[in-house]
């Protein structure tokens, strides 16, 4: 199998590291060679955070270059736009529609771009956008956006939902399992 590349992009504190850990764990259990690389930006201050997950028969490097991502999983629409150059021509963006204002918008130096999803599609990206925050809250915690996104991403893999759920059960502390399993199911649809 040729190497597949997934970028998980978001803002610090959204749970992108748990999402990448879950994905890496699942793919290892499925028998793939997996490389996960965490690239922290100003994660402590709400800045951009990027994680690379690469898997296949044999993966030599954890880094994804421009034009190589099969999937970009984005916790926030502006982050999807920021990393669009990394998407393959036939790649897909799975994104939360939630808007998190970056510091220049908060300070009034800039305005948040309008119609980002439409702009991504105009540039040729296949975009699967959904309100993950509302679904996470429906599951029982606004912090479960990461697992809602993993549920949505799971639709594009030939790995049964039960295996994703087993990975959640293995990695998520017991007191948060029920919420995360529900968040996964809501994201998967």
C-alpha atoms as a PDB file:
ATOM      1  CA  UNK A   1       0.000   0.000   0.000  1.00  0.00           C
ATOM      2  CA  UNK A   2       1.300   3.440  -0.845  1.00  0.00           C
ATOM      3  CA  UNK A   3       1.780   5.783   2.081  1.00  0.00           C
ATOM      4  CA  UNK A   4      -1.254   7.841   3.075  1.00  0.00           C
ATOM      5  CA  UNK A   5      -0.896  11.222   4.734  1.00  0.00           C
ATOM      6  CA  UNK A   6      -3.203  12.923   7.234  1.00  0.00           C
ATOM      7  CA  UNK A   7      -2.656  16.378   8.713  1.00  0.00           C
ATOM      8  CA  UNK A   8      -4.543  17.260  11.869  1.00  0.00           C
ATOM      9  CA  UNK A   9      -4.637  21.029  12.292  1.00  0.00           C
ATOM     10  CA  UNK A  10      -6.155  23.166  14.985  1.00  0.00           C
ATOM     11  CA  UNK A  11      -5.666  25.631  17.749  1.00  0.00           C
ATOM     12  CA  UNK A  12      -3.895  24.787  20.997  1.00  0.00           C
ATOM     13  CA  UNK A  13      -6.052  23.060  23.583  1.00  0.00           C
ATOM     14  CA  UNK A  14      -8.575  21.513  21.183  1.00  0.00           C
ATOM     15  CA  UNK A  15      -7.433  17.910  21.544  1.00  0.00           C
ATOM     16  CA  UNK A  16      -5.554  17.437  18.282  1.00  0.00           C
ATOM     17  CA  UNK A  17      -2.871  15.420  20.063  1.00  0.00           C
ATOM     18  CA  UNK A  18      -5.428  12.900  21.369  1.00  0.00           C
ATOM     19  CA  UNK A  19      -6.904  12.690  17.869  1.00  0.00           C
ATOM     20  CA  UNK A  20      -3.496  11.902  16.343  1.00  0.00           C
ATOM     21  CA  UNK A  21      -2.719   9.398  19.105  1.00  0.00           C
ATOM     22  CA  UNK A  22      -6.060   7.668  18.482  1.00  0.00           C
ATOM     23  CA  UNK A  23      -5.444   7.545  14.746  1.00  0.00           C
ATOM     24  CA  UNK A  24      -1.892   6.240  15.177  1.00  0.00           C
ATOM     25  CA  UNK A  25      -3.018   3.569  17.642  1.00  0.00           C
ATOM     26  CA  UNK A  26      -5.842   2.403  15.372  1.00  0.00           C
ATOM     27  CA  UNK A  27      -3.637   2.225  12.274  1.00  0.00           C
ATOM     28  CA  UNK A  28      -0.915   0.293  14.138  1.00  0.00           C
ATOM     29  CA  UNK A  29      -3.565  -2.187  15.323  1.00  0.00           C
ATOM     30  CA  UNK A  30      -4.604  -2.564  11.666  1.00  0.00           C
ATOM     31  CA  UNK A  31      -1.043  -3.644  10.805  1.00  0.00           C
ATOM     32  CA  UNK A  32       0.274  -0.501   9.117  1.00  0.00           C
ATOM     33  CA  UNK A  33       3.659   1.086   9.613  1.00  0.00           C
ATOM     34  CA  UNK A  34       2.771   4.426  11.213  1.00  0.00           C
ATOM     35  CA  UNK A  35       4.703   7.627  11.858  1.00  0.00           C
ATOM     36  CA  UNK A  36       3.202  10.429  13.921  1.00  0.00           C
ATOM     37  CA  UNK A  37       4.885  13.802  14.260  1.00  0.00           C
ATOM     38  CA  UNK A  38       3.590  16.544  16.518  1.00  0.00           C
ATOM     39  CA  UNK A  39       4.476  20.063  15.489  1.00  0.00           C
ATOM     40  CA  UNK A  40       3.566  22.490  18.238  1.00  0.00           C
ATOM     41  CA  UNK A  41       3.112  26.138  17.421  1.00  0.00           C
ATOM     42  CA  UNK A  42       2.054  28.555  20.120  1.00  0.00           C
ATOM     43  CA  UNK A  43      -0.267  25.896  21.476  1.00  0.00           C
ATOM     44  CA  UNK A  44      -0.194  27.336  24.979  1.00  0.00           C
ATOM     45  CA  UNK A  45      -1.501  30.651  23.663  1.00  0.00           C
ATOM     46  CA  UNK A  46      -4.207  29.424  21.304  1.00  0.00           C
ATOM     47  CA  UNK A  47      -1.877  29.305  18.310  1.00  0.00           C
ATOM     48  CA  UNK A  48      -1.791  26.850  15.432  1.00  0.00           C
ATOM     49  CA  UNK A  49      -0.979  23.207  16.191  1.00  0.00           C
ATOM     50  CA  UNK A  50      -0.220  20.632  13.480  1.00  0.00           C
ATOM     51  CA  UNK A  51       0.169  16.877  13.712  1.00  0.00           C
ATOM     52  CA  UNK A  52       1.204  14.596  10.860  1.00  0.00           C
ATOM     53  CA  UNK A  53       0.021  10.977  10.683  1.00  0.00           C
ATOM     54  CA  UNK A  54       1.526   8.882   7.896  1.00  0.00           C
ATOM     55  CA  UNK A  55       0.762   5.194   7.344  1.00  0.00           C
ATOM     56  CA  UNK A  56       1.318   2.435   4.801  1.00  0.00           C
ATOM     57  CA  UNK A  57       3.403  -0.685   4.235  1.00  0.00           C
ATOM     58  CA  UNK A  58       6.618   1.156   5.094  1.00  0.00           C
ATOM     59  CA  UNK A  59       6.857   4.794   6.143  1.00  0.00           C
ATOM     60  CA  UNK A  60      10.288   6.405   6.266  1.00  0.00           C
ATOM     61  CA  UNK A  61       9.557   9.947   7.407  1.00  0.00           C
ATOM     62  CA  UNK A  62       6.927  11.501   9.686  1.00  0.00           C
ATOM     63  CA  UNK A  63       6.802  14.775   7.730  1.00  0.00           C
ATOM     64  CA  UNK A  64       4.204  15.719   5.109  1.00  0.00           C
ATOM     65  CA  UNK A  65       5.303  18.154   2.418  1.00  0.00           C
ATOM     66  CA  UNK A  66       3.263  20.600   0.335  1.00  0.00           C
ATOM     67  CA  UNK A  67       0.805  18.799  -1.948  1.00  0.00           C
ATOM     68  CA  UNK A  68       1.064  15.441  -0.141  1.00  0.00           C
ATOM     69  CA  UNK A  69      -1.847  15.322   2.338  1.00  0.00           C
ATOM     70  CA  UNK A  70      -4.624  12.899   1.465  1.00  0.00           C
ATOM     71  CA  UNK A  71      -6.680  14.379   4.314  1.00  0.00           C
ATOM     72  CA  UNK A  72      -6.583  17.559   6.330  1.00  0.00           C
ATOM     73  CA  UNK A  73      -8.626  17.229   9.510  1.00  0.00           C
ATOM     74  CA  UNK A  74      -9.275  20.732  10.773  1.00  0.00           C
ATOM     75  CA  UNK A  75     -10.655  21.810  14.135  1.00  0.00           C
ATOM     76  CA  UNK A  76     -11.370  25.275  12.755  1.00  0.00           C
ATOM     77  CA  UNK A  77     -12.092  26.530   9.209  1.00  0.00           C
ATOM     78  CA  UNK A  78      -9.308  29.132   9.115  1.00  0.00           C
ATOM     79  CA  UNK A  79      -6.767  26.423   9.981  1.00  0.00           C
ATOM     80  CA  UNK A  80      -8.026  24.383   7.004  1.00  0.00           C
ATOM     81  CA  UNK A  81      -7.434  27.413   4.765  1.00  0.00           C
ATOM     82  CA  UNK A  82      -3.974  27.988   6.258  1.00  0.00           C
ATOM     83  CA  UNK A  83      -2.856  24.444   5.380  1.00  0.00           C
ATOM     84  CA  UNK A  84      -4.656  24.093   2.023  1.00  0.00           C
ATOM     85  CA  UNK A  85      -1.340  24.084   0.069  1.00  0.00           C
ATOM     86  CA  UNK A  86      -0.504  20.742   1.735  1.00  0.00           C
ATOM     87  CA  UNK A  87      -3.588  19.016   0.309  1.00  0.00           C
ATOM     88  CA  UNK A  88      -3.183  16.647  -2.646  1.00  0.00           C
ATOM     89  CA  UNK A  89      -5.101  17.522  -5.784  1.00  0.00           C
ATOM     90  CA  UNK A  90      -7.677  14.801  -5.007  1.00  0.00           C
ATOM     91  CA  UNK A  91      -7.406  15.199  -1.227  1.00  0.00           C
ATOM     92  CA  UNK A  92     -10.211  15.894   1.208  1.00  0.00           C
ATOM     93  CA  UNK A  93     -10.682  18.361   4.045  1.00  0.00           C
ATOM     94  CA  UNK A  94     -12.752  17.254   7.024  1.00  0.00           C
ATOM     95  CA  UNK A  95     -13.441  20.391   9.038  1.00  0.00           C
ATOM     96  CA  UNK A  96     -15.346  21.814  11.927  1.00  0.00           C
ATOM     97  CA  UNK A  97     -17.307  24.933  10.945  1.00  0.00           C
ATOM     98  CA  UNK A  98     -16.676  26.549  14.326  1.00  0.00           C
ATOM     99  CA  UNK A  99     -14.937  29.930  14.125  1.00  0.00           C
ATOM    100  CA  UNK A 100     -12.147  30.662  16.594  1.00  0.00           C
ATOM    101  CA  UNK A 101     -10.838  34.186  16.183  1.00  0.00           C
ATOM    102  CA  UNK A 102      -7.029  34.428  16.001  1.00  0.00           C
ATOM    103  CA  UNK A 103      -5.256  37.215  17.887  1.00  0.00           C
ATOM    104  CA  UNK A 104      -5.207  39.709  14.949  1.00  0.00           C
ATOM    105  CA  UNK A 105      -9.022  39.422  14.739  1.00  0.00           C
ATOM    106  CA  UNK A 106      -9.409  39.728  18.518  1.00  0.00           C
ATOM    107  CA  UNK A 107      -7.283  42.892  18.579  1.00  0.00           C
ATOM    108  CA  UNK A 108      -9.153  44.382  15.606  1.00  0.00           C
ATOM    109  CA  UNK A 109      -6.118  44.392  13.282  1.00  0.00           C
ATOM    110  CA  UNK A 110      -7.953  42.064  10.837  1.00  0.00           C
ATOM    111  CA  UNK A 111     -11.386  40.638  10.216  1.00  0.00           C
ATOM    112  CA  UNK A 112     -12.161  36.932  10.074  1.00  0.00           C
ATOM    113  CA  UNK A 113     -12.463  35.849   6.419  1.00  0.00           C
ATOM    114  CA  UNK A 114     -16.022  35.260   5.235  1.00  0.00           C
ATOM    115  CA  UNK A 115     -17.313  32.148   3.434  1.00  0.00           C
ATOM    116  CA  UNK A 116     -14.165  30.118   4.060  1.00  0.00           C
ATOM    117  CA  UNK A 117     -15.740  26.758   3.200  1.00  0.00           C
ATOM    118  CA  UNK A 118     -16.952  28.097  -0.153  1.00  0.00           C
ATOM    119  CA  UNK A 119     -13.502  29.576  -0.834  1.00  0.00           C
ATOM    120  CA  UNK A 120     -11.843  26.218  -0.122  1.00  0.00           C
ATOM    121  CA  UNK A 121     -14.240  24.510  -2.530  1.00  0.00           C
ATOM    122  CA  UNK A 122     -13.616  27.183  -5.177  1.00  0.00           C
ATOM    123  CA  UNK A 123      -9.924  26.274  -4.975  1.00  0.00           C
ATOM    124  CA  UNK A 124     -10.820  22.685  -5.837  1.00  0.00           C
ATOM    125  CA  UNK A 125     -10.794  21.097  -2.391  1.00  0.00           C
ATOM    126  CA  UNK A 126     -13.315  18.399  -1.494  1.00  0.00           C
ATOM    127  CA  UNK A 127     -14.678  19.678   1.814  1.00  0.00           C
ATOM    128  CA  UNK A 128     -16.718  17.798   4.376  1.00  0.00           C
ATOM    129  CA  UNK A 129     -17.714  20.550   6.829  1.00  0.00           C
ATOM    130  CA  UNK A 130     -19.902  20.118   9.877  1.00  0.00           C
ATOM    131  CA  UNK A 131     -20.695  21.849  13.159  1.00  0.00           C
ATOM    132  CA  UNK A 132     -18.622  19.572  15.385  1.00  0.00           C
ATOM    133  CA  UNK A 133     -19.014  21.784  18.463  1.00  0.00           C
ATOM    134  CA  UNK A 134     -22.805  21.361  18.522  1.00  0.00           C
ATOM    135  CA  UNK A 135     -22.410  17.588  18.099  1.00  0.00           C
ATOM    136  CA  UNK A 136     -19.776  17.451  20.859  1.00  0.00           C
ATOM    137  CA  UNK A 137     -22.094  19.352  23.191  1.00  0.00           C
ATOM    138  CA  UNK A 138     -24.902  16.952  22.263  1.00  0.00           C
ATOM    139  CA  UNK A 139     -22.584  14.076  23.238  1.00  0.00           C
ATOM    140  CA  UNK A 140     -22.022  15.717  26.619  1.00  0.00           C
ATOM    141  CA  UNK A 141     -18.842  17.815  26.343  1.00  0.00           C
ATOM    142  CA  UNK A 142     -17.673  20.696  24.176  1.00  0.00           C
ATOM    143  CA  UNK A 143     -14.181  19.178  24.514  1.00  0.00           C
ATOM    144  CA  UNK A 144     -15.190  16.163  22.387  1.00  0.00           C
ATOM    145  CA  UNK A 145     -14.885  18.056  19.067  1.00  0.00           C
ATOM    146  CA  UNK A 146     -11.733  16.024  18.362  1.00  0.00           C
ATOM    147  CA  UNK A 147     -13.617  12.739  18.579  1.00  0.00           C
ATOM    148  CA  UNK A 148     -16.530  14.070  16.500  1.00  0.00           C
ATOM    149  CA  UNK A 149     -13.929  14.849  13.803  1.00  0.00           C
ATOM    150  CA  UNK A 150     -12.446  11.342  14.114  1.00  0.00           C
ATOM    151  CA  UNK A 151     -15.951   9.932  13.667  1.00  0.00           C
ATOM    152  CA  UNK A 152     -16.377  11.935  10.486  1.00  0.00           C
ATOM    153  CA  UNK A 153     -12.923  10.951   9.201  1.00  0.00           C
ATOM    154  CA  UNK A 154     -13.715   7.277   9.879  1.00  0.00           C
ATOM    155  CA  UNK A 155     -16.316   7.348   7.092  1.00  0.00           C
ATOM    156  CA  UNK A 156     -13.472   7.574   4.563  1.00  0.00           C
ATOM    157  CA  UNK A 157     -11.621   4.474   5.807  1.00  0.00           C
ATOM    158  CA  UNK A 158     -12.296   0.778   5.252  1.00  0.00           C
ATOM    159  CA  UNK A 159     -11.936   0.137   8.971  1.00  0.00           C
ATOM    160  CA  UNK A 160     -15.119  -0.911  10.801  1.00  0.00           C
ATOM    161  CA  UNK A 161     -16.572   1.548  13.333  1.00  0.00           C
ATOM    162  CA  UNK A 162     -16.123  -1.067  16.064  1.00  0.00           C
ATOM    163  CA  UNK A 163     -12.336  -0.896  15.685  1.00  0.00           C
ATOM    164  CA  UNK A 164     -12.387   2.904  16.048  1.00  0.00           C
ATOM    165  CA  UNK A 165     -14.567   2.486  19.140  1.00  0.00           C
ATOM    166  CA  UNK A 166     -12.121  -0.069  20.589  1.00  0.00           C
ATOM    167  CA  UNK A 167      -9.295   2.435  20.094  1.00  0.00           C
ATOM    168  CA  UNK A 168     -11.311   5.093  21.944  1.00  0.00           C
ATOM    169  CA  UNK A 169     -11.961   2.623  24.773  1.00  0.00           C
ATOM    170  CA  UNK A 170      -8.237   1.829  24.963  1.00  0.00           C
ATOM    171  CA  UNK A 171      -7.013   5.456  25.025  1.00  0.00           C
ATOM    172  CA  UNK A 172      -9.698   7.521  26.746  1.00  0.00           C
ATOM    173  CA  UNK A 173      -9.973   7.422  30.556  1.00  0.00           C
ATOM    174  CA  UNK A 174     -13.048   5.502  31.717  1.00  0.00           C
ATOM    175  CA  UNK A 175     -14.889   8.542  33.076  1.00  0.00           C
ATOM    176  CA  UNK A 176     -14.826  10.168  29.597  1.00  0.00           C
ATOM    177  CA  UNK A 177     -15.440   7.049  27.474  1.00  0.00           C
ATOM    178  CA  UNK A 178     -19.214   7.262  27.164  1.00  0.00           C
ATOM    179  CA  UNK A 179     -19.115  10.908  26.020  1.00  0.00           C
ATOM    180  CA  UNK A 180     -16.358  10.154  23.505  1.00  0.00           C
ATOM    181  CA  UNK A 181     -18.084   7.073  22.096  1.00  0.00           C
ATOM    182  CA  UNK A 182     -21.257   9.124  21.624  1.00  0.00           C
ATOM    183  CA  UNK A 183     -19.232  11.965  20.013  1.00  0.00           C
ATOM    184  CA  UNK A 184     -17.664   9.448  17.616  1.00  0.00           C
ATOM    185  CA  UNK A 185     -21.085   8.054  16.656  1.00  0.00           C
ATOM    186  CA  UNK A 186     -22.517  11.550  16.075  1.00  0.00           C
ATOM    187  CA  UNK A 187     -19.543  12.515  13.894  1.00  0.00           C
ATOM    188  CA  UNK A 188     -19.801   9.325  11.884  1.00  0.00           C
ATOM    189  CA  UNK A 189     -23.465  10.094  11.289  1.00  0.00           C
END
